mmCIF file of all heavy atoms, coordinates in Angstrom:
data_MODEL
# 
_entry.id   MODEL 
# 
loop_
_atom_site.group_PDB 
_atom_site.id 
_atom_site.type_symbol 
_atom_site.label_atom_id 
_atom_site.label_alt_id 
_atom_site.label_comp_id 
_atom_site.label_asym_id 
_atom_site.label_entity_id 
_atom_site.label_seq_id 
_atom_site.pdbx_PDB_ins_code 
_atom_site.Cartn_x 
_atom_site.Cartn_y 
_atom_site.Cartn_z 
_atom_site.occupancy 
_atom_site.B_iso_or_equiv 
_atom_site.pdbx_formal_charge 
_atom_site.auth_seq_id 
_atom_site.auth_comp_id 
_atom_site.auth_asym_id 
_atom_site.auth_atom_id 
_atom_site.pdbx_PDB_model_num 
ATOM 1   N N   . ARG A 1 1  ? 48.460 16.472 -31.707 1.00 0.00 ? 1  ARG A N   1 
ATOM 2   C CA  . ARG A 1 1  ? 49.112 16.628 -30.397 1.00 0.00 ? 1  ARG A CA  1 
ATOM 3   C C   . ARG A 1 1  ? 48.798 18.123 -29.806 1.00 0.00 ? 1  ARG A C   1 
ATOM 4   O O   . ARG A 1 1  ? 48.428 18.218 -28.706 1.00 0.00 ? 1  ARG A O   1 
ATOM 5   C CB  . ARG A 1 1  ? 50.610 16.500 -30.409 1.00 0.00 ? 1  ARG A CB  1 
ATOM 6   C CG  . ARG A 1 1  ? 51.021 15.066 -30.565 1.00 0.00 ? 1  ARG A CG  1 
ATOM 7   C CD  . ARG A 1 1  ? 52.524 14.929 -30.426 1.00 0.00 ? 1  ARG A CD  1 
ATOM 8   N NE  . ARG A 1 1  ? 52.951 13.477 -30.596 1.00 0.00 ? 1  ARG A NE  1 
ATOM 9   C CZ  . ARG A 1 1  ? 52.882 12.561 -29.733 1.00 0.00 ? 1  ARG A CZ  1 
ATOM 10  N NH1 . ARG A 1 1  ? 52.522 12.978 -28.453 1.00 0.00 ? 1  ARG A NH1 1 
ATOM 11  N NH2 . ARG A 1 1  ? 53.241 11.346 -29.884 1.00 0.00 ? 1  ARG A NH2 1 
ATOM 12  N N   . ALA A 1 2  ? 48.835 19.108 -30.729 1.00 0.00 ? 2  ALA A N   1 
ATOM 13  C CA  . ALA A 1 2  ? 48.603 20.440 -30.172 1.00 0.00 ? 2  ALA A CA  1 
ATOM 14  C C   . ALA A 1 2  ? 47.081 20.709 -29.934 1.00 0.00 ? 2  ALA A C   1 
ATOM 15  O O   . ALA A 1 2  ? 46.819 21.489 -28.924 1.00 0.00 ? 2  ALA A O   1 
ATOM 16  C CB  . ALA A 1 2  ? 48.912 21.421 -31.409 1.00 0.00 ? 2  ALA A CB  1 
ATOM 17  N N   . GLN A 1 3  ? 46.214 19.921 -30.544 1.00 0.00 ? 3  GLN A N   1 
ATOM 18  C CA  . GLN A 1 3  ? 44.850 20.162 -30.317 1.00 0.00 ? 3  GLN A CA  1 
ATOM 19  C C   . GLN A 1 3  ? 44.306 19.238 -29.125 1.00 0.00 ? 3  GLN A C   1 
ATOM 20  O O   . GLN A 1 3  ? 43.124 19.568 -28.603 1.00 0.00 ? 3  GLN A O   1 
ATOM 21  C CB  . GLN A 1 3  ? 43.955 19.854 -31.568 1.00 0.00 ? 3  GLN A CB  1 
ATOM 22  C CG  . GLN A 1 3  ? 44.159 20.725 -32.696 1.00 0.00 ? 3  GLN A CG  1 
ATOM 23  C CD  . GLN A 1 3  ? 43.871 22.223 -32.287 1.00 0.00 ? 3  GLN A CD  1 
ATOM 24  O OE1 . GLN A 1 3  ? 42.779 22.484 -31.673 1.00 0.00 ? 3  GLN A OE1 1 
ATOM 25  N NE2 . GLN A 1 3  ? 44.577 23.145 -32.661 1.00 0.00 ? 3  GLN A NE2 1 
ATOM 26  N N   . MET A 1 4  ? 45.002 18.311 -28.650 1.00 0.00 ? 4  MET A N   1 
ATOM 27  C CA  . MET A 1 4  ? 44.545 17.328 -27.667 1.00 0.00 ? 4  MET A CA  1 
ATOM 28  C C   . MET A 1 4  ? 44.059 17.972 -26.405 1.00 0.00 ? 4  MET A C   1 
ATOM 29  O O   . MET A 1 4  ? 42.950 17.536 -25.890 1.00 0.00 ? 4  MET A O   1 
ATOM 30  C CB  . MET A 1 4  ? 45.611 16.206 -27.355 1.00 0.00 ? 4  MET A CB  1 
ATOM 31  C CG  . MET A 1 4  ? 45.721 15.169 -28.439 1.00 0.00 ? 4  MET A CG  1 
ATOM 32  S SD  . MET A 1 4  ? 44.049 14.443 -28.815 1.00 0.00 ? 4  MET A SD  1 
ATOM 33  C CE  . MET A 1 4  ? 43.618 13.620 -27.377 1.00 0.00 ? 4  MET A CE  1 
ATOM 34  N N   . PRO A 1 5  ? 44.714 18.915 -25.793 1.00 0.00 ? 5  PRO A N   1 
ATOM 35  C CA  . PRO A 1 5  ? 44.144 19.555 -24.585 1.00 0.00 ? 5  PRO A CA  1 
ATOM 36  C C   . PRO A 1 5  ? 42.747 20.039 -24.660 1.00 0.00 ? 5  PRO A C   1 
ATOM 37  O O   . PRO A 1 5  ? 41.852 19.969 -23.865 1.00 0.00 ? 5  PRO A O   1 
ATOM 38  C CB  . PRO A 1 5  ? 45.197 20.701 -24.233 1.00 0.00 ? 5  PRO A CB  1 
ATOM 39  C CG  . PRO A 1 5  ? 46.468 20.265 -24.842 1.00 0.00 ? 5  PRO A CG  1 
ATOM 40  C CD  . PRO A 1 5  ? 46.027 19.552 -26.204 1.00 0.00 ? 5  PRO A CD  1 
ATOM 41  N N   . VAL A 1 6  ? 42.437 20.496 -25.878 1.00 0.00 ? 6  VAL A N   1 
ATOM 42  C CA  . VAL A 1 6  ? 41.016 21.071 -26.126 1.00 0.00 ? 6  VAL A CA  1 
ATOM 43  C C   . VAL A 1 6  ? 40.126 19.879 -26.578 1.00 0.00 ? 6  VAL A C   1 
ATOM 44  O O   . VAL A 1 6  ? 38.957 19.783 -26.096 1.00 0.00 ? 6  VAL A O   1 
ATOM 45  C CB  . VAL A 1 6  ? 41.045 22.164 -27.223 1.00 0.00 ? 6  VAL A CB  1 
ATOM 46  C CG1 . VAL A 1 6  ? 39.648 22.598 -27.690 1.00 0.00 ? 6  VAL A CG1 1 
ATOM 47  C CG2 . VAL A 1 6  ? 41.837 23.289 -26.801 1.00 0.00 ? 6  VAL A CG2 1 
ATOM 48  N N   . TRP A 1 7  ? 40.659 19.044 -27.492 1.00 0.00 ? 7  TRP A N   1 
ATOM 49  C CA  . TRP A 1 7  ? 39.810 18.038 -28.058 1.00 0.00 ? 7  TRP A CA  1 
ATOM 50  C C   . TRP A 1 7  ? 39.350 16.981 -27.109 1.00 0.00 ? 7  TRP A C   1 
ATOM 51  O O   . TRP A 1 7  ? 38.381 16.267 -27.318 1.00 0.00 ? 7  TRP A O   1 
ATOM 52  C CB  . TRP A 1 7  ? 40.607 17.397 -29.140 1.00 0.00 ? 7  TRP A CB  1 
ATOM 53  C CG  . TRP A 1 7  ? 40.532 18.304 -30.456 1.00 0.00 ? 7  TRP A CG  1 
ATOM 54  C CD1 . TRP A 1 7  ? 39.862 19.408 -30.654 1.00 0.00 ? 7  TRP A CD1 1 
ATOM 55  C CD2 . TRP A 1 7  ? 41.141 17.971 -31.775 1.00 0.00 ? 7  TRP A CD2 1 
ATOM 56  N NE1 . TRP A 1 7  ? 40.135 19.920 -31.911 1.00 0.00 ? 7  TRP A NE1 1 
ATOM 57  C CE2 . TRP A 1 7  ? 40.829 19.013 -32.602 1.00 0.00 ? 7  TRP A CE2 1 
ATOM 58  C CE3 . TRP A 1 7  ? 41.866 16.875 -32.185 1.00 0.00 ? 7  TRP A CE3 1 
ATOM 59  C CZ2 . TRP A 1 7  ? 41.326 19.074 -33.958 1.00 0.00 ? 7  TRP A CZ2 1 
ATOM 60  C CZ3 . TRP A 1 7  ? 42.308 16.950 -33.603 1.00 0.00 ? 7  TRP A CZ3 1 
ATOM 61  C CH2 . TRP A 1 7  ? 42.011 18.042 -34.384 1.00 0.00 ? 7  TRP A CH2 1 
ATOM 62  N N   . ARG A 1 8  ? 40.320 16.777 -26.040 1.00 0.00 ? 8  ARG A N   1 
ATOM 63  C CA  . ARG A 1 8  ? 39.920 15.675 -25.053 1.00 0.00 ? 8  ARG A CA  1 
ATOM 64  C C   . ARG A 1 8  ? 38.575 15.982 -24.436 1.00 0.00 ? 8  ARG A C   1 
ATOM 65  O O   . ARG A 1 8  ? 37.744 15.070 -24.165 1.00 0.00 ? 8  ARG A O   1 
ATOM 66  C CB  . ARG A 1 8  ? 40.929 15.633 -23.938 1.00 0.00 ? 8  ARG A CB  1 
ATOM 67  C CG  . ARG A 1 8  ? 42.195 14.825 -24.383 1.00 0.00 ? 8  ARG A CG  1 
ATOM 68  C CD  . ARG A 1 8  ? 43.017 14.534 -23.086 1.00 0.00 ? 8  ARG A CD  1 
ATOM 69  N NE  . ARG A 1 8  ? 44.292 13.795 -23.460 1.00 0.00 ? 8  ARG A NE  1 
ATOM 70  C CZ  . ARG A 1 8  ? 45.404 14.528 -23.568 1.00 0.00 ? 8  ARG A CZ  1 
ATOM 71  N NH1 . ARG A 1 8  ? 45.445 15.875 -23.372 1.00 0.00 ? 8  ARG A NH1 1 
ATOM 72  N NH2 . ARG A 1 8  ? 46.522 13.919 -23.988 1.00 0.00 ? 8  ARG A NH2 1 
ATOM 73  N N   . ALA A 1 9  ? 38.337 17.333 -24.123 1.00 0.00 ? 9  ALA A N   1 
ATOM 74  C CA  . ALA A 1 9  ? 37.038 17.723 -23.613 1.00 0.00 ? 9  ALA A CA  1 
ATOM 75  C C   . ALA A 1 9  ? 35.960 17.842 -24.640 1.00 0.00 ? 9  ALA A C   1 
ATOM 76  O O   . ALA A 1 9  ? 34.732 17.463 -24.380 1.00 0.00 ? 9  ALA A O   1 
ATOM 77  C CB  . ALA A 1 9  ? 37.191 19.094 -22.934 1.00 0.00 ? 9  ALA A CB  1 
ATOM 78  N N   . ARG A 1 10 ? 36.268 18.300 -25.778 1.00 0.00 ? 10 ARG A N   1 
ATOM 79  C CA  . ARG A 1 10 ? 35.273 18.532 -26.789 1.00 0.00 ? 10 ARG A CA  1 
ATOM 80  C C   . ARG A 1 10 ? 34.922 17.228 -27.601 1.00 0.00 ? 10 ARG A C   1 
ATOM 81  O O   . ARG A 1 10 ? 33.749 17.089 -27.931 1.00 0.00 ? 10 ARG A O   1 
ATOM 82  C CB  . ARG A 1 10 ? 35.869 19.537 -27.944 1.00 0.00 ? 10 ARG A CB  1 
ATOM 83  C CG  . ARG A 1 10 ? 34.869 19.883 -28.959 1.00 0.00 ? 10 ARG A CG  1 
ATOM 84  C CD  . ARG A 1 10 ? 35.454 20.932 -29.948 1.00 0.00 ? 10 ARG A CD  1 
ATOM 85  N NE  . ARG A 1 10 ? 35.814 22.123 -29.211 1.00 0.00 ? 10 ARG A NE  1 
ATOM 86  C CZ  . ARG A 1 10 ? 36.495 23.148 -29.868 1.00 0.00 ? 10 ARG A CZ  1 
ATOM 87  N NH1 . ARG A 1 10 ? 36.843 22.987 -31.120 1.00 0.00 ? 10 ARG A NH1 1 
ATOM 88  N NH2 . ARG A 1 10 ? 36.698 24.176 -29.194 1.00 0.00 ? 10 ARG A NH2 1 
ATOM 89  N N   . TYR A 1 11 ? 35.811 16.303 -27.708 1.00 0.00 ? 11 TYR A N   1 
ATOM 90  C CA  . TYR A 1 11 ? 35.610 15.079 -28.502 1.00 0.00 ? 11 TYR A CA  1 
ATOM 91  C C   . TYR A 1 11 ? 35.994 13.838 -27.585 1.00 0.00 ? 11 TYR A C   1 
ATOM 92  O O   . TYR A 1 11 ? 37.052 13.250 -27.866 1.00 0.00 ? 11 TYR A O   1 
ATOM 93  C CB  . TYR A 1 11 ? 36.389 15.194 -29.833 1.00 0.00 ? 11 TYR A CB  1 
ATOM 94  C CG  . TYR A 1 11 ? 36.058 16.304 -30.698 1.00 0.00 ? 11 TYR A CG  1 
ATOM 95  C CD1 . TYR A 1 11 ? 37.161 17.158 -31.070 1.00 0.00 ? 11 TYR A CD1 1 
ATOM 96  C CD2 . TYR A 1 11 ? 34.790 16.551 -31.128 1.00 0.00 ? 11 TYR A CD2 1 
ATOM 97  C CE1 . TYR A 1 11 ? 36.929 18.250 -31.926 1.00 0.00 ? 11 TYR A CE1 1 
ATOM 98  C CE2 . TYR A 1 11 ? 34.532 17.686 -32.011 1.00 0.00 ? 11 TYR A CE2 1 
ATOM 99  C CZ  . TYR A 1 11 ? 35.565 18.486 -32.292 1.00 0.00 ? 11 TYR A CZ  1 
ATOM 100 O OH  . TYR A 1 11 ? 35.313 19.633 -33.114 1.00 0.00 ? 11 TYR A OH  1 
ATOM 101 N N   . PRO A 1 12 ? 35.095 13.434 -26.696 1.00 0.00 ? 12 PRO A N   1 
ATOM 102 C CA  . PRO A 1 12 ? 35.565 12.330 -25.889 1.00 0.00 ? 12 PRO A CA  1 
ATOM 103 C C   . PRO A 1 12 ? 35.782 11.063 -26.715 1.00 0.00 ? 12 PRO A C   1 
ATOM 104 O O   . PRO A 1 12 ? 35.033 10.778 -27.667 1.00 0.00 ? 12 PRO A O   1 
ATOM 105 C CB  . PRO A 1 12 ? 34.358 12.106 -25.001 1.00 0.00 ? 12 PRO A CB  1 
ATOM 106 C CG  . PRO A 1 12 ? 33.591 13.473 -25.031 1.00 0.00 ? 12 PRO A CG  1 
ATOM 107 C CD  . PRO A 1 12 ? 33.865 14.131 -26.351 1.00 0.00 ? 12 PRO A CD  1 
ATOM 108 N N   . GLY A 1 13 ? 36.963 10.394 -26.443 1.00 0.00 ? 13 GLY A N   1 
ATOM 109 C CA  . GLY A 1 13 ? 37.357 9.146  -27.162 1.00 0.00 ? 13 GLY A CA  1 
ATOM 110 C C   . GLY A 1 13 ? 38.242 9.457  -28.379 1.00 0.00 ? 13 GLY A C   1 
ATOM 111 O O   . GLY A 1 13 ? 38.745 8.577  -28.997 1.00 0.00 ? 13 GLY A O   1 
ATOM 112 N N   . VAL A 1 14 ? 38.634 10.735 -28.632 1.00 0.00 ? 14 VAL A N   1 
ATOM 113 C CA  . VAL A 1 14 ? 39.288 11.030 -29.870 1.00 0.00 ? 14 VAL A CA  1 
ATOM 114 C C   . VAL A 1 14 ? 40.733 10.527 -29.652 1.00 0.00 ? 14 VAL A C   1 
ATOM 115 O O   . VAL A 1 14 ? 41.391 10.330 -30.749 1.00 0.00 ? 14 VAL A O   1 
ATOM 116 C CB  . VAL A 1 14 ? 39.372 12.612 -30.183 1.00 0.00 ? 14 VAL A CB  1 
ATOM 117 C CG1 . VAL A 1 14 ? 40.181 13.220 -28.963 1.00 0.00 ? 14 VAL A CG1 1 
ATOM 118 C CG2 . VAL A 1 14 ? 39.880 12.900 -31.508 1.00 0.00 ? 14 VAL A CG2 1 
ATOM 119 N N   . GLU A 1 15 ? 41.212 10.296 -28.445 1.00 0.00 ? 15 GLU A N   1 
ATOM 120 C CA  . GLU A 1 15 ? 42.637 9.813  -28.335 1.00 0.00 ? 15 GLU A CA  1 
ATOM 121 C C   . GLU A 1 15 ? 42.842 8.376  -28.993 1.00 0.00 ? 15 GLU A C   1 
ATOM 122 O O   . GLU A 1 15 ? 43.887 7.981  -29.202 1.00 0.00 ? 15 GLU A O   1 
ATOM 123 C CB  . GLU A 1 15 ? 43.038 9.842  -26.810 1.00 0.00 ? 15 GLU A CB  1 
ATOM 124 C CG  . GLU A 1 15 ? 42.220 8.940  -25.891 1.00 0.00 ? 15 GLU A CG  1 
ATOM 125 C CD  . GLU A 1 15 ? 41.005 9.801  -25.390 1.00 0.00 ? 15 GLU A CD  1 
ATOM 126 O OE1 . GLU A 1 15 ? 40.686 10.820 -25.760 1.00 0.00 ? 15 GLU A OE1 1 
ATOM 127 O OE2 . GLU A 1 15 ? 40.409 9.277  -24.388 1.00 0.00 ? 15 GLU A OE2 1 
ATOM 128 N N   . GLY A 1 16 ? 41.734 7.782  -29.164 1.00 0.00 ? 16 GLY A N   1 
ATOM 129 C CA  . GLY A 1 16 ? 41.787 6.397  -29.764 1.00 0.00 ? 16 GLY A CA  1 
ATOM 130 C C   . GLY A 1 16 ? 41.847 6.432  -31.332 1.00 0.00 ? 16 GLY A C   1 
ATOM 131 O O   . GLY A 1 16 ? 41.841 5.298  -31.859 1.00 0.00 ? 16 GLY A O   1 
ATOM 132 N N   . LEU A 1 17 ? 41.680 7.565  -31.920 1.00 0.00 ? 17 LEU A N   1 
ATOM 133 C CA  . LEU A 1 17 ? 41.735 7.738  -33.336 1.00 0.00 ? 17 LEU A CA  1 
ATOM 134 C C   . LEU A 1 17 ? 42.973 7.119  -34.015 1.00 0.00 ? 17 LEU A C   1 
ATOM 135 O O   . LEU A 1 17 ? 44.181 7.254  -33.488 1.00 0.00 ? 17 LEU A O   1 
ATOM 136 C CB  . LEU A 1 17 ? 41.534 9.147  -33.768 1.00 0.00 ? 17 LEU A CB  1 
ATOM 137 C CG  . LEU A 1 17 ? 41.629 9.516  -35.319 1.00 0.00 ? 17 LEU A CG  1 
ATOM 138 C CD1 . LEU A 1 17 ? 40.283 8.971  -35.952 1.00 0.00 ? 17 LEU A CD1 1 
ATOM 139 C CD2 . LEU A 1 17 ? 41.761 10.994 -35.572 1.00 0.00 ? 17 LEU A CD2 1 
ATOM 140 N N   . LYS A 1 18 ? 42.873 6.455  -35.128 1.00 0.00 ? 18 LYS A N   1 
ATOM 141 C CA  . LYS A 1 18 ? 44.038 5.927  -35.850 1.00 0.00 ? 18 LYS A CA  1 
ATOM 142 C C   . LYS A 1 18 ? 43.947 6.324  -37.341 1.00 0.00 ? 18 LYS A C   1 
ATOM 143 O O   . LYS A 1 18 ? 43.051 6.337  -38.086 1.00 0.00 ? 18 LYS A O   1 
ATOM 144 C CB  . LYS A 1 18 ? 43.964 4.341  -35.853 1.00 0.00 ? 18 LYS A CB  1 
ATOM 145 C CG  . LYS A 1 18 ? 44.087 3.791  -34.600 1.00 0.00 ? 18 LYS A CG  1 
ATOM 146 C CD  . LYS A 1 18 ? 44.037 2.190  -34.628 1.00 0.00 ? 18 LYS A CD  1 
ATOM 147 C CE  . LYS A 1 18 ? 44.134 1.552  -33.291 1.00 0.00 ? 18 LYS A CE  1 
ATOM 148 N NZ  . LYS A 1 18 ? 44.137 0.072  -33.346 1.00 0.00 ? 18 LYS A NZ  1 
ATOM 149 N N   . VAL A 1 19 ? 45.193 7.109  -37.573 1.00 0.00 ? 19 VAL A N   1 
ATOM 150 C CA  . VAL A 1 19 ? 45.287 7.769  -38.945 1.00 0.00 ? 19 VAL A CA  1 
ATOM 151 C C   . VAL A 1 19 ? 46.539 7.072  -39.553 1.00 0.00 ? 19 VAL A C   1 
ATOM 152 O O   . VAL A 1 19 ? 47.521 6.837  -39.051 1.00 0.00 ? 19 VAL A O   1 
ATOM 153 C CB  . VAL A 1 19 ? 45.540 9.267  -38.792 1.00 0.00 ? 19 VAL A CB  1 
ATOM 154 C CG1 . VAL A 1 19 ? 45.663 9.915  -40.200 1.00 0.00 ? 19 VAL A CG1 1 
ATOM 155 C CG2 . VAL A 1 19 ? 44.424 9.962  -37.979 1.00 0.00 ? 19 VAL A CG2 1 
ATOM 156 N N   . ALA A 1 20 ? 46.438 6.839  -40.935 1.00 0.00 ? 20 ALA A N   1 
ATOM 157 C CA  . ALA A 1 20 ? 47.531 6.271  -41.668 1.00 0.00 ? 20 ALA A CA  1 
ATOM 158 C C   . ALA A 1 20 ? 47.782 7.186  -42.838 1.00 0.00 ? 20 ALA A C   1 
ATOM 159 O O   . ALA A 1 20 ? 46.928 7.743  -43.505 1.00 0.00 ? 20 ALA A O   1 
ATOM 160 C CB  . ALA A 1 20 ? 47.061 4.944  -42.345 1.00 0.00 ? 20 ALA A CB  1 
ATOM 161 N N   . VAL A 1 21 ? 49.119 7.541  -43.030 1.00 0.00 ? 21 VAL A N   1 
ATOM 162 C CA  . VAL A 1 21 ? 49.658 8.388  -44.067 1.00 0.00 ? 21 VAL A CA  1 
ATOM 163 C C   . VAL A 1 21 ? 50.669 7.474  -44.819 1.00 0.00 ? 21 VAL A C   1 
ATOM 164 O O   . VAL A 1 21 ? 51.901 7.446  -44.251 1.00 0.00 ? 21 VAL A O   1 
ATOM 165 C CB  . VAL A 1 21 ? 50.154 9.714  -43.608 1.00 0.00 ? 21 VAL A CB  1 
ATOM 166 C CG1 . VAL A 1 21 ? 50.681 10.533 -44.793 1.00 0.00 ? 21 VAL A CG1 1 
ATOM 167 C CG2 . VAL A 1 21 ? 49.104 10.514 -42.918 1.00 0.00 ? 21 VAL A CG2 1 
ATOM 168 N N   . MET A 1 22 ? 50.411 7.002  -45.964 1.00 0.00 ? 22 MET A N   1 
ATOM 169 C CA  . MET A 1 22 ? 51.390 6.048  -46.639 1.00 0.00 ? 22 MET A CA  1 
ATOM 170 C C   . MET A 1 22 ? 51.879 6.528  -47.925 1.00 0.00 ? 22 MET A C   1 
ATOM 171 O O   . MET A 1 22 ? 51.308 7.409  -48.553 1.00 0.00 ? 22 MET A O   1 
ATOM 172 C CB  . MET A 1 22 ? 50.594 4.746  -46.810 1.00 0.00 ? 22 MET A CB  1 
ATOM 173 C CG  . MET A 1 22 ? 49.994 4.082  -45.558 1.00 0.00 ? 22 MET A CG  1 
ATOM 174 S SD  . MET A 1 22 ? 51.364 3.741  -44.372 1.00 0.00 ? 22 MET A SD  1 
ATOM 175 C CE  . MET A 1 22 ? 52.193 2.419  -45.020 1.00 0.00 ? 22 MET A CE  1 
ATOM 176 N N   . GLY A 1 23 ? 53.023 6.138  -48.323 1.00 0.00 ? 23 GLY A N   1 
ATOM 177 C CA  . GLY A 1 23 ? 53.796 6.782  -49.358 1.00 0.00 ? 23 GLY A CA  1 
ATOM 178 C C   . GLY A 1 23 ? 53.682 6.023  -50.670 1.00 0.00 ? 23 GLY A C   1 
ATOM 179 O O   . GLY A 1 23 ? 54.169 6.534  -51.727 1.00 0.00 ? 23 GLY A O   1 
ATOM 180 N N   . CYS A 1 24 ? 53.187 4.924  -50.806 1.00 0.00 ? 24 CYS A N   1 
ATOM 181 C CA  . CYS A 1 24 ? 53.062 4.256  -52.089 1.00 0.00 ? 24 CYS A CA  1 
ATOM 182 C C   . CYS A 1 24 ? 51.916 3.151  -52.002 1.00 0.00 ? 24 CYS A C   1 
ATOM 183 O O   . CYS A 1 24 ? 51.440 2.877  -51.028 1.00 0.00 ? 24 CYS A O   1 
ATOM 184 C CB  . CYS A 1 24 ? 54.347 3.732  -52.561 1.00 0.00 ? 24 CYS A CB  1 
ATOM 185 S SG  . CYS A 1 24 ? 54.845 2.035  -51.869 1.00 0.00 ? 24 CYS A SG  1 
ATOM 186 N N   . ILE A 1 25 ? 51.802 2.357  -53.208 1.00 0.00 ? 25 ILE A N   1 
ATOM 187 C CA  . ILE A 1 25 ? 50.743 1.437  -53.306 1.00 0.00 ? 25 ILE A CA  1 
ATOM 188 C C   . ILE A 1 25 ? 51.007 0.082  -52.627 1.00 0.00 ? 25 ILE A C   1 
ATOM 189 O O   . ILE A 1 25 ? 50.094 -0.738 -52.427 1.00 0.00 ? 25 ILE A O   1 
ATOM 190 C CB  . ILE A 1 25 ? 50.399 1.282  -54.828 1.00 0.00 ? 25 ILE A CB  1 
ATOM 191 C CG1 . ILE A 1 25 ? 49.039 0.583  -54.961 1.00 0.00 ? 25 ILE A CG1 1 
ATOM 192 C CG2 . ILE A 1 25 ? 51.497 0.344  -55.369 1.00 0.00 ? 25 ILE A CG2 1 
ATOM 193 C CD1 . ILE A 1 25 ? 48.541 0.655  -56.471 1.00 0.00 ? 25 ILE A CD1 1 
ATOM 194 N N   . VAL A 1 26 ? 52.286 -0.214 -52.252 1.00 0.00 ? 26 VAL A N   1 
ATOM 195 C CA  . VAL A 1 26 ? 52.622 -1.528 -51.715 1.00 0.00 ? 26 VAL A CA  1 
ATOM 196 C C   . VAL A 1 26 ? 51.845 -1.845 -50.432 1.00 0.00 ? 26 VAL A C   1 
ATOM 197 O O   . VAL A 1 26 ? 51.132 -2.866 -50.354 1.00 0.00 ? 26 VAL A O   1 
ATOM 198 C CB  . VAL A 1 26 ? 54.072 -1.611 -51.380 1.00 0.00 ? 26 VAL A CB  1 
ATOM 199 C CG1 . VAL A 1 26 ? 54.478 -2.928 -50.758 1.00 0.00 ? 26 VAL A CG1 1 
ATOM 200 C CG2 . VAL A 1 26 ? 55.046 -1.540 -52.720 1.00 0.00 ? 26 VAL A CG2 1 
ATOM 201 N N   . ASN A 1 27 ? 51.980 -1.014 -49.517 1.00 0.00 ? 27 ASN A N   1 
ATOM 202 C CA  . ASN A 1 27 ? 51.128 -1.147 -48.156 1.00 0.00 ? 27 ASN A CA  1 
ATOM 203 C C   . ASN A 1 27 ? 50.157 -0.083 -47.941 1.00 0.00 ? 27 ASN A C   1 
ATOM 204 O O   . ASN A 1 27 ? 49.441 -0.296 -46.947 1.00 0.00 ? 27 ASN A O   1 
ATOM 205 C CB  . ASN A 1 27 ? 52.159 -1.303 -46.920 1.00 0.00 ? 27 ASN A CB  1 
ATOM 206 C CG  . ASN A 1 27 ? 53.015 -2.488 -46.939 1.00 0.00 ? 27 ASN A CG  1 
ATOM 207 O OD1 . ASN A 1 27 ? 52.560 -3.591 -47.237 1.00 0.00 ? 27 ASN A OD1 1 
ATOM 208 N ND2 . ASN A 1 27 ? 54.358 -2.287 -46.689 1.00 0.00 ? 27 ASN A ND2 1 
ATOM 209 N N   . GLY A 1 28 ? 50.189 0.893  -48.891 1.00 0.00 ? 28 GLY A N   1 
ATOM 210 C CA  . GLY A 1 28 ? 49.332 2.094  -48.545 1.00 0.00 ? 28 GLY A CA  1 
ATOM 211 C C   . GLY A 1 28 ? 47.862 1.783  -48.367 1.00 0.00 ? 28 GLY A C   1 
ATOM 212 O O   . GLY A 1 28 ? 47.327 2.006  -47.407 1.00 0.00 ? 28 GLY A O   1 
ATOM 213 N N   . PRO A 1 29 ? 47.295 1.107  -49.305 1.00 0.00 ? 29 PRO A N   1 
ATOM 214 C CA  . PRO A 1 29 ? 45.834 0.882  -49.245 1.00 0.00 ? 29 PRO A CA  1 
ATOM 215 C C   . PRO A 1 29 ? 45.478 0.024  -48.052 1.00 0.00 ? 29 PRO A C   1 
ATOM 216 O O   . PRO A 1 29 ? 44.495 0.165  -47.356 1.00 0.00 ? 29 PRO A O   1 
ATOM 217 C CB  . PRO A 1 29 ? 45.505 0.215  -50.548 1.00 0.00 ? 29 PRO A CB  1 
ATOM 218 C CG  . PRO A 1 29 ? 46.481 0.814  -51.488 1.00 0.00 ? 29 PRO A CG  1 
ATOM 219 C CD  . PRO A 1 29 ? 47.765 0.872  -50.736 1.00 0.00 ? 29 PRO A CD  1 
ATOM 220 N N   . GLY A 1 30 ? 46.343 -1.110 -47.846 1.00 0.00 ? 30 GLY A N   1 
ATOM 221 C CA  . GLY A 1 30 ? 46.023 -1.956 -46.762 1.00 0.00 ? 30 GLY A CA  1 
ATOM 222 C C   . GLY A 1 30 ? 46.078 -1.277 -45.388 1.00 0.00 ? 30 GLY A C   1 
ATOM 223 O O   . GLY A 1 30 ? 45.197 -1.424 -44.534 1.00 0.00 ? 30 GLY A O   1 
ATOM 224 N N   . GLU A 1 31 ? 47.207 -0.510 -45.141 1.00 0.00 ? 31 GLU A N   1 
ATOM 225 C CA  . GLU A 1 31 ? 47.263 0.216  -43.798 1.00 0.00 ? 31 GLU A CA  1 
ATOM 226 C C   . GLU A 1 31 ? 46.196 1.254  -43.682 1.00 0.00 ? 31 GLU A C   1 
ATOM 227 O O   . GLU A 1 31 ? 45.755 1.551  -42.548 1.00 0.00 ? 31 GLU A O   1 
ATOM 228 C CB  . GLU A 1 31 ? 48.658 0.855  -43.802 1.00 0.00 ? 31 GLU A CB  1 
ATOM 229 C CG  . GLU A 1 31 ? 49.790 -0.081 -43.616 1.00 0.00 ? 31 GLU A CG  1 
ATOM 230 C CD  . GLU A 1 31 ? 50.034 -0.634 -42.310 1.00 0.00 ? 31 GLU A CD  1 
ATOM 231 O OE1 . GLU A 1 31 ? 49.229 -0.292 -41.317 1.00 0.00 ? 31 GLU A OE1 1 
ATOM 232 O OE2 . GLU A 1 31 ? 50.780 -1.479 -42.095 1.00 0.00 ? 31 GLU A OE2 1 
ATOM 233 N N   . SER A 1 32 ? 45.859 1.945  -44.909 1.00 0.00 ? 32 SER A N   1 
ATOM 234 C CA  . SER A 1 32 ? 44.733 2.927  -44.726 1.00 0.00 ? 32 SER A CA  1 
ATOM 235 C C   . SER A 1 32 ? 43.475 2.287  -44.336 1.00 0.00 ? 32 SER A C   1 
ATOM 236 O O   . SER A 1 32 ? 42.561 2.891  -43.685 1.00 0.00 ? 32 SER A O   1 
ATOM 237 C CB  . SER A 1 32 ? 44.694 3.631  -46.088 1.00 0.00 ? 32 SER A CB  1 
ATOM 238 O OG  . SER A 1 32 ? 45.888 4.333  -46.424 1.00 0.00 ? 32 SER A OG  1 
ATOM 239 N N   . LYS A 1 33 ? 43.230 1.014  -44.957 1.00 0.00 ? 33 LYS A N   1 
ATOM 240 C CA  . LYS A 1 33 ? 41.970 0.385  -44.497 1.00 0.00 ? 33 LYS A CA  1 
ATOM 241 C C   . LYS A 1 33 ? 41.860 -0.019 -43.041 1.00 0.00 ? 33 LYS A C   1 
ATOM 242 O O   . LYS A 1 33 ? 40.836 0.022  -42.459 1.00 0.00 ? 33 LYS A O   1 
ATOM 243 C CB  . LYS A 1 33 ? 41.831 -0.899 -45.391 1.00 0.00 ? 33 LYS A CB  1 
ATOM 244 C CG  . LYS A 1 33 ? 41.418 -0.536 -46.934 1.00 0.00 ? 33 LYS A CG  1 
ATOM 245 C CD  . LYS A 1 33 ? 41.467 -1.891 -47.656 1.00 0.00 ? 33 LYS A CD  1 
ATOM 246 C CE  . LYS A 1 33 ? 41.193 -1.715 -49.220 1.00 0.00 ? 33 LYS A CE  1 
ATOM 247 N NZ  . LYS A 1 33 ? 41.266 -3.062 -49.937 1.00 0.00 ? 33 LYS A NZ  1 
# 
C-alpha cells in the first residue's frame, strides 16, 4: 500500500498482483499455488 503511489507508475499492472501468506500445511500450499 505504501509503495503503490510510486509503483503504479514504475510497474504498470502491479495492482493485479496476488500474494499469499499462509500459516500451516492444511491450505497453505494450495493457496500459495
